[in-house]
Amino acid sequence: MGILSDKYGVRKITFIGMIFISMGSLIFALATGAVTAYLARLLIGIGSATFFVSTLRVIANWYPPESFTKLLGWTSLIGTSGALLAATPFSLLLNLIDWRNSFKIFALLSLFIAFLIWAFVRDNPAQLGIEVNFGSQQENRSFKEIILGMSTLVTSRQFWYYFMIAFIIMGSLMSLSGLWLVPYMTHVYELSRNAAANFVVVITLGMLLGSALLGWAENKIGDRIKMIRLTAIINLLIWSYVIFIFQARLPFSQLIIVLFLMGFIGMFILTSFANIKKMFPELKGSATGLINLSPFLGTIVFNFLLGWRLDATWEGEIIAGSRAYTLTGYRQGFIIIFIFSLVALFLSWQLERVED
């Protein structure tokens, strides 16, 4: 999507993306079998993938560079708020209408938003006759030339340092909040599934506040690389505290603070996008699109690694048809995250200043 936004502009890409979401929502609402439902979800996923990178491209083209981090934080804030709306509020909606009708409503809303995008979104100020001394104008290179131009990106050590730091810190955070936190709370603390889900909200609230204060934090700290190093240090200290002080079983009150802090400090990694944009000004979309893969790839890897240790230490207990994993398994999984966090801290000290 980053490459496509470089070539064709965000207006076309996000318009098509929203059409995909609308089609996927409607097909899902009408699905009568698994294959159709999977196809619908695929369309929704492809459409959704167009927006984050495109929004960053819009920010870079329409706003001065000093506003980028603040608006990046606001973008993350809105996205995280959307994740909250998809939880309890959506459950409340399902009490009023069934799930098929809810997705029909989403299809209509998505179609309406597609119309708004086509009517009002412009790729850069020049398309409205506005002259600015920042951003970029219409991309005139061919698709092949953009691909070839990415060689400077994929051969840059600095890019891969940023990529791996986000891979580790954001990937482990998303793995924990998206998959392993609920079973961890049910198996180790013996909570109900609904009660355990509330702890995921704690991480999300931390991410919301971290996103909202991202621009403020940059102004106070004054250096994006310092923010990334601070994140790596605090992240390592958190996992050290969890694993070596409490053997992966904290008191409830401390666990809430730790989870909130994880979500809050994890958002500082978003400053990587700002530096990557500055390092590769001719590949804004491609660069931010490629580094945007890192948290998702990290999530996949950490899901596998934690699952591997949990399965290896499983003692055969089954609860409600699912495996009940042991504290030992979770501790070993967390140690894996700790080791990767050491790598992230080391890489953060390899980052070089990006000139304005």
Protein backbone atom coordinates (compact mmCIF):
# COMPACT_ATOMS: atom_id res chain seq x y z
CA MET A 1 0.00 0.00 0.00
CA GLY A 2 2.92 2.29 0.66
CA ILE A 3 4.22 1.77 -2.89
CA LEU A 4 0.73 2.25 -4.34
CA SER A 5 0.20 5.47 -2.39
CA ASP A 6 3.55 6.77 -3.67
CA LYS A 7 2.47 6.15 -7.25
CA TYR A 8 -1.28 6.76 -7.36
CA GLY A 9 -1.94 9.00 -4.36
CA VAL A 10 -3.96 8.45 -1.22
CA ARG A 11 -7.29 9.67 -2.64
CA LYS A 12 -7.56 6.83 -5.15
CA ILE A 13 -6.06 4.19 -2.87
CA THR A 14 -8.27 4.94 0.14
CA PHE A 15 -11.39 5.31 -2.02
CA ILE A 16 -10.81 1.83 -3.44
CA GLY A 17 -9.94 0.57 0.04
CA MET A 18 -13.24 1.79 1.46
CA ILE A 19 -15.12 0.21 -1.45
CA PHE A 20 -13.40 -3.08 -0.56
CA ILE A 21 -14.50 -2.67 3.07
CA SER A 22 -18.07 -1.96 1.97
CA MET A 23 -18.12 -4.99 -0.34
CA GLY A 24 -16.55 -7.21 2.30
CA SER A 25 -19.05 -6.11 4.95
CA LEU A 26 -22.00 -6.78 2.65
CA ILE A 27 -20.68 -10.18 1.54
CA PHE A 28 -20.03 -11.11 5.17
CA ALA A 29 -23.58 -10.11 6.10
CA LEU A 30 -24.96 -12.34 3.34
CA ALA A 31 -22.47 -15.21 3.77
CA THR A 32 -23.94 -18.71 3.98
CA GLY A 33 -20.69 -20.67 4.28
CA ALA A 34 -17.12 -20.48 5.54
CA VAL A 35 -15.49 -19.81 2.15
CA THR A 36 -17.68 -16.78 1.47
CA ALA A 37 -17.13 -15.48 5.00
CA TYR A 38 -13.34 -15.84 4.63
CA LEU A 39 -13.42 -14.00 1.30
CA ALA A 40 -15.41 -11.20 2.90
CA ARG A 41 -12.95 -10.87 5.76
CA LEU A 42 -10.08 -10.81 3.27
CA LEU A 43 -11.69 -7.91 1.40
CA ILE A 44 -12.20 -6.01 4.68
CA GLY A 45 -8.56 -6.62 5.62
CA ILE A 46 -7.22 -5.43 2.27
CA GLY A 47 -9.39 -2.32 2.40
CA SER A 48 -8.39 -1.52 5.97
CA ALA A 49 -4.71 -1.85 5.07
CA THR A 50 -4.92 1.24 2.87
CA PHE A 51 -5.57 3.76 5.62
CA PHE A 52 -2.75 4.05 8.17
CA VAL A 53 0.08 4.52 5.67
CA SER A 54 -2.10 6.79 3.53
CA THR A 55 -2.95 8.95 6.54
CA LEU A 56 0.75 9.38 7.30
CA ARG A 57 1.31 10.36 3.69
CA VAL A 58 -1.47 12.98 3.95
CA ILE A 59 0.07 14.37 7.15
CA ALA A 60 3.48 14.60 5.49
CA ASN A 61 2.05 16.40 2.44
CA TRP A 62 -0.40 18.77 4.13
CA TYR A 63 1.29 19.74 7.40
CA PRO A 64 4.73 21.13 8.28
CA PRO A 65 7.30 18.59 9.54
CA GLU A 66 7.14 19.80 13.16
CA SER A 67 3.47 18.72 13.32
CA PHE A 68 4.10 15.16 12.14
CA THR A 69 4.63 13.45 15.51
CA LYS A 70 1.62 15.15 17.11
CA LEU A 71 -0.66 14.20 14.22
CA LEU A 72 0.83 10.71 14.15
CA GLY A 73 -0.17 10.36 17.79
CA TRP A 74 -3.69 11.61 17.04
CA THR A 75 -3.96 9.11 14.19
CA SER A 76 -3.00 6.31 16.56
CA LEU A 77 -5.45 7.68 19.15
CA ILE A 78 -8.34 7.54 16.68
CA GLY A 79 -7.38 4.07 15.49
CA THR A 80 -7.13 2.72 19.04
CA SER A 81 -10.49 4.33 19.86
CA GLY A 82 -11.94 2.43 16.91
CA ALA A 83 -10.67 -0.80 18.43
CA LEU A 84 -12.54 0.05 21.63
CA LEU A 85 -15.73 0.75 19.67
CA ALA A 86 -15.45 -2.69 18.10
CA ALA A 87 -15.66 -4.30 21.56
CA THR A 88 -18.32 -3.36 24.14
CA PRO A 89 -20.22 -0.81 21.98
CA PHE A 90 -20.50 -3.37 19.19
CA SER A 91 -21.74 -5.95 21.68
CA LEU A 92 -24.42 -3.49 22.77
CA LEU A 93 -25.39 -2.94 19.13
CA LEU A 94 -25.84 -6.69 18.73
CA ASN A 95 -28.40 -6.58 21.55
CA LEU A 96 -30.52 -4.31 19.32
CA ILE A 97 -29.97 -5.89 15.91
CA ASP A 98 -28.46 -9.17 14.73
CA TRP A 99 -24.90 -9.42 13.43
CA ARG A 100 -25.94 -9.65 9.76
CA ASN A 101 -27.85 -6.37 9.89
CA SER A 102 -24.98 -4.73 11.74
CA PHE A 103 -22.62 -5.57 8.88
CA LYS A 104 -25.15 -4.27 6.36
CA ILE A 105 -25.06 -0.97 8.26
CA PHE A 106 -21.25 -1.02 8.14
CA ALA A 107 -21.42 -1.60 4.39
CA LEU A 108 -23.60 1.49 3.92
CA LEU A 109 -21.43 3.62 6.20
CA SER A 110 -18.30 2.51 4.36
CA LEU A 111 -19.88 3.41 1.01
CA PHE A 112 -20.78 6.85 2.35
CA ILE A 113 -17.22 7.40 3.62
CA ALA A 114 -15.88 6.34 0.20
CA PHE A 115 -18.03 9.10 -1.33
CA LEU A 116 -16.64 11.64 1.17
CA ILE A 117 -13.07 10.59 0.36
CA TRP A 118 -13.59 11.03 -3.38
CA ALA A 119 -15.36 14.38 -2.89
CA PHE A 120 -13.00 16.01 -0.40
CA VAL A 121 -9.60 14.30 -0.12
CA ARG A 122 -6.72 15.66 -2.19
CA ASP A 123 -3.23 14.17 -2.30
CA ASN A 124 -1.36 17.44 -1.80
CA PRO A 125 -1.99 21.19 -1.51
CA ALA A 126 -0.93 21.82 -5.12
CA GLN A 127 -4.11 20.10 -6.33
CA LEU A 128 -6.05 22.96 -4.76
CA GLY A 129 -3.64 25.65 -5.97
CA ILE A 130 -2.03 26.04 -2.55
CA GLU A 131 1.72 26.59 -2.48
CA VAL A 132 3.71 25.21 0.46
CA ASN A 133 7.42 24.65 1.07
CA PHE A 134 7.02 21.14 2.47
CA GLY A 135 5.51 17.83 1.43
CA SER A 136 5.78 16.35 -2.05
CA GLN A 137 4.01 16.87 -5.32
CA GLN A 138 2.45 14.34 -7.67
CA GLU A 139 4.57 11.23 -8.23
CA ASN A 140 5.77 11.08 -11.85
CA ARG A 141 7.93 7.96 -11.63
CA SER A 142 6.70 4.68 -13.03
CA PHE A 143 5.74 1.82 -10.75
CA LYS A 144 8.95 0.02 -11.77
CA GLU A 145 11.07 3.06 -10.95
CA ILE A 146 9.53 3.27 -7.47
CA ILE A 147 10.29 -0.42 -6.86
CA LEU A 148 13.88 0.04 -8.01
CA GLY A 149 14.16 3.17 -5.87
CA MET A 150 13.38 1.08 -2.81
CA SER A 151 16.83 -0.48 -3.06
CA THR A 152 18.15 2.45 -0.99
CA LEU A 153 15.55 1.58 1.63
CA VAL A 154 16.08 -2.17 1.94
CA THR A 155 19.89 -1.85 1.95
CA SER A 156 19.90 0.71 4.78
CA ARG A 157 21.08 -0.65 8.12
CA GLN A 158 19.40 2.23 9.90
CA PHE A 159 16.03 1.30 8.41
CA TRP A 160 16.36 -2.28 9.65
CA TYR A 161 17.39 -1.09 13.13
CA TYR A 162 14.10 0.85 13.33
CA PHE A 163 12.23 -2.10 11.82
CA MET A 164 13.54 -4.59 14.38
CA ILE A 165 12.95 -2.31 17.37
CA ALA A 166 9.29 -1.88 16.36
CA PHE A 167 9.13 -5.61 15.55
CA ILE A 168 10.20 -6.50 19.09
CA ILE A 169 8.52 -3.89 21.27
CA MET A 170 5.25 -3.40 19.40
CA GLY A 171 5.10 -7.02 18.23
CA SER A 172 5.41 -8.39 21.78
CA LEU A 173 2.86 -5.85 23.06
CA MET A 174 0.34 -6.74 20.35
CA SER A 175 0.92 -10.47 20.91
CA LEU A 176 0.26 -10.05 24.62
CA SER A 177 -2.83 -7.86 24.28
CA GLY A 178 -4.26 -9.61 21.24
CA LEU A 179 -3.80 -13.27 22.18
CA TRP A 180 -2.01 -14.29 25.36
CA LEU A 181 -3.14 -11.88 28.09
CA VAL A 182 -6.65 -13.32 28.47
CA PRO A 183 -5.52 -16.98 28.81
CA TYR A 184 -2.67 -15.82 31.09
CA MET A 185 -5.18 -14.16 33.43
CA THR A 186 -7.54 -17.14 33.34
CA HIS A 187 -4.84 -19.77 33.89
CA VAL A 188 -2.54 -17.97 36.36
CA TYR A 189 -5.03 -15.79 38.25
CA GLU A 190 -8.06 -18.06 37.75
CA LEU A 191 -10.30 -15.26 36.47
CA SER A 192 -13.32 -15.72 34.24
CA ARG A 193 -12.81 -14.98 30.57
CA ASN A 194 -14.91 -11.81 30.76
CA ALA A 195 -13.01 -10.52 33.79
CA ALA A 196 -9.67 -11.30 32.14
CA ALA A 197 -10.70 -9.33 29.04
CA ASN A 198 -10.84 -6.18 31.17
CA PHE A 199 -7.07 -6.30 31.53
CA VAL A 200 -6.71 -5.94 27.76
CA VAL A 201 -8.64 -2.67 28.11
CA VAL A 202 -5.96 -1.47 30.56
CA ILE A 203 -3.29 -1.85 27.85
CA THR A 204 -5.57 -0.13 25.33
CA LEU A 205 -6.14 2.82 27.68
CA GLY A 206 -2.38 3.15 28.08
CA MET A 207 -2.02 3.18 24.30
CA LEU A 208 -4.73 5.84 24.05
CA LEU A 209 -3.01 8.15 26.51
CA GLY A 210 0.42 7.47 24.98
CA SER A 211 -0.93 8.34 21.55
CA ALA A 212 -2.60 11.52 22.80
CA LEU A 213 0.60 12.71 24.50
CA LEU A 214 3.05 11.65 21.79
CA GLY A 215 3.60 15.16 20.44
CA TRP A 216 3.87 16.62 23.95
CA ALA A 217 6.42 13.96 24.92
CA GLU A 218 8.54 14.71 21.87
CA ASN A 219 8.57 18.41 22.73
CA LYS A 220 9.58 17.65 26.32
CA ILE A 221 12.24 15.07 25.51
CA GLY A 222 13.35 16.95 22.42
CA ASP A 223 14.76 13.99 20.52
CA ARG A 224 12.99 11.09 18.81
CA ILE A 225 15.90 8.72 19.21
CA LYS A 226 15.98 9.46 22.94
CA MET A 227 12.28 8.59 23.03
CA ILE A 228 12.96 5.25 21.35
CA ARG A 229 15.85 4.50 23.71
CA LEU A 230 13.71 5.46 26.71
CA THR A 231 11.02 3.09 25.45
CA ALA A 232 13.54 0.26 25.06
CA ILE A 233 14.92 0.86 28.57
CA ILE A 234 11.52 1.00 30.29
CA ASN A 235 10.28 -2.00 28.30
CA LEU A 236 13.28 -4.04 29.45
CA LEU A 237 12.86 -2.88 33.06
CA ILE A 238 9.18 -3.88 33.00
CA TRP A 239 9.92 -7.41 31.81
CA SER A 240 12.81 -7.70 34.29
CA TYR A 241 10.43 -6.69 37.09
CA VAL A 242 7.73 -9.13 35.97
CA ILE A 243 10.05 -12.10 35.44
CA PHE A 244 12.79 -11.80 38.04
CA ILE A 245 11.08 -10.03 40.94
CA PHE A 246 7.66 -11.70 40.83
CA GLN A 247 8.36 -14.83 38.75
CA ALA A 248 5.66 -13.78 36.21
CA ARG A 249 2.87 -13.47 38.82
CA LEU A 250 2.45 -9.89 40.02
CA PRO A 251 -0.11 -8.66 42.58
CA PHE A 252 -3.25 -7.33 40.85
CA SER A 253 -2.61 -3.68 41.74
CA GLN A 254 0.89 -3.77 40.30
CA LEU A 255 -0.19 -5.74 37.26
CA ILE A 256 -2.66 -3.00 36.29
CA ILE A 257 0.10 -0.37 36.50
CA VAL A 258 2.52 -2.53 34.49
CA LEU A 259 -0.01 -3.21 31.72
CA PHE A 260 -0.97 0.46 31.48
CA LEU A 261 2.69 1.49 31.33
CA MET A 262 3.39 -1.10 28.61
CA GLY A 263 0.65 0.39 26.43
CA PHE A 264 1.65 3.97 27.20
CA ILE A 265 5.38 3.70 26.56
CA GLY A 266 4.91 1.41 23.57
CA MET A 267 3.38 4.28 21.59
CA PHE A 268 6.70 6.15 21.67
CA ILE A 269 7.94 3.68 19.04
CA LEU A 270 5.66 5.49 16.56
CA THR A 271 8.32 8.21 16.34
CA SER A 272 10.19 5.70 14.15
CA PHE A 273 7.75 6.60 11.37
CA ALA A 274 8.73 10.27 11.61
CA ASN A 275 12.45 9.52 11.32
CA ILE A 276 11.95 7.00 8.51
CA LYS A 277 9.97 9.62 6.59
CA LYS A 278 12.87 12.07 6.96
CA MET A 279 15.48 9.50 5.99
CA PHE A 280 13.70 8.59 2.74
CA PRO A 281 11.85 11.73 1.55
CA GLU A 282 11.25 10.35 -1.96
CA LEU A 283 9.78 7.11 -0.61
CA LYS A 284 7.46 8.36 2.12
CA GLY A 285 4.68 5.89 1.40
CA SER A 286 6.95 2.94 0.62
CA ALA A 287 9.14 3.49 3.69
CA THR A 288 6.29 3.93 6.16
CA GLY A 289 4.40 1.06 4.53
CA LEU A 290 7.35 -1.30 4.91
CA ILE A 291 8.12 -0.41 8.52
CA ASN A 292 4.39 -0.68 9.28
CA LEU A 293 4.79 -4.42 8.61
CA SER A 294 7.16 -4.80 11.56
CA PRO A 295 4.64 -4.86 14.46
CA PHE A 296 2.41 -7.34 12.59
CA LEU A 297 5.30 -9.64 11.73
CA GLY A 298 6.48 -9.33 15.32
CA THR A 299 3.04 -10.32 16.57
CA ILE A 300 3.10 -13.47 14.43
CA VAL A 301 6.57 -14.45 15.65
CA PHE A 302 5.84 -13.82 19.34
CA ASN A 303 2.50 -15.63 19.09
CA PHE A 304 4.39 -18.66 17.79
CA LEU A 305 7.26 -18.47 20.30
CA LEU A 306 5.01 -18.08 23.34
CA GLY A 307 2.71 -20.80 22.07
CA TRP A 308 5.71 -23.08 21.57
CA ARG A 309 6.81 -22.71 25.21
CA LEU A 310 3.26 -23.04 26.53
CA ASP A 311 2.68 -26.26 24.59
CA ALA A 312 6.08 -27.61 25.67
CA THR A 313 5.25 -27.12 29.36
CA TRP A 314 1.57 -28.13 29.22
CA GLU A 315 0.72 -30.74 31.84
CA GLY A 316 -2.38 -32.17 30.17
CA GLU A 317 -5.09 -30.16 31.97
CA ILE A 318 -8.16 -29.16 29.94
CA ILE A 319 -10.60 -26.41 30.96
CA ALA A 320 -13.78 -25.77 28.93
CA GLY A 321 -12.32 -27.67 25.98
CA SER A 322 -9.07 -25.66 25.89
CA ARG A 323 -5.59 -26.37 27.22
CA ALA A 324 -4.84 -24.85 30.63
CA TYR A 325 -1.24 -23.70 30.51
CA THR A 326 1.13 -23.41 33.46
CA LEU A 327 2.83 -20.46 35.13
CA THR A 328 6.14 -22.06 34.13
CA GLY A 329 5.14 -21.91 30.47
CA TYR A 330 4.17 -18.25 30.67
CA ARG A 331 7.39 -17.43 32.53
CA GLN A 332 9.46 -19.11 29.82
CA GLY A 333 7.51 -17.25 27.14
CA PHE A 334 8.09 -13.94 28.92
CA ILE A 335 11.82 -14.72 29.17
CA ILE A 336 11.87 -14.98 25.37
CA ILE A 337 10.36 -11.50 25.18
CA PHE A 338 12.97 -10.31 27.71
CA ILE A 339 15.82 -11.62 25.54
CA PHE A 340 14.41 -9.91 22.46
CA SER A 341 13.97 -6.73 24.52
CA LEU A 342 17.71 -6.79 25.24
CA VAL A 343 18.29 -6.85 21.48
CA ALA A 344 15.91 -3.89 21.02
CA LEU A 345 17.81 -1.90 23.63
CA PHE A 346 21.12 -2.65 21.91
CA LEU A 347 19.74 -1.64 18.51
CA SER A 348 18.34 1.61 19.90
CA TRP A 349 21.90 2.70 20.67
CA GLN A 350 22.89 2.06 17.04
CA LEU A 351 20.43 4.63 15.73
CA GLU A 352 21.94 7.74 14.15
CA ARG A 353 20.60 11.26 14.21
CA VAL A 354 18.43 12.27 11.25
CA GLU A 355 19.16 15.77 10.00
CA ASP A 356 16.20 18.13 9.54
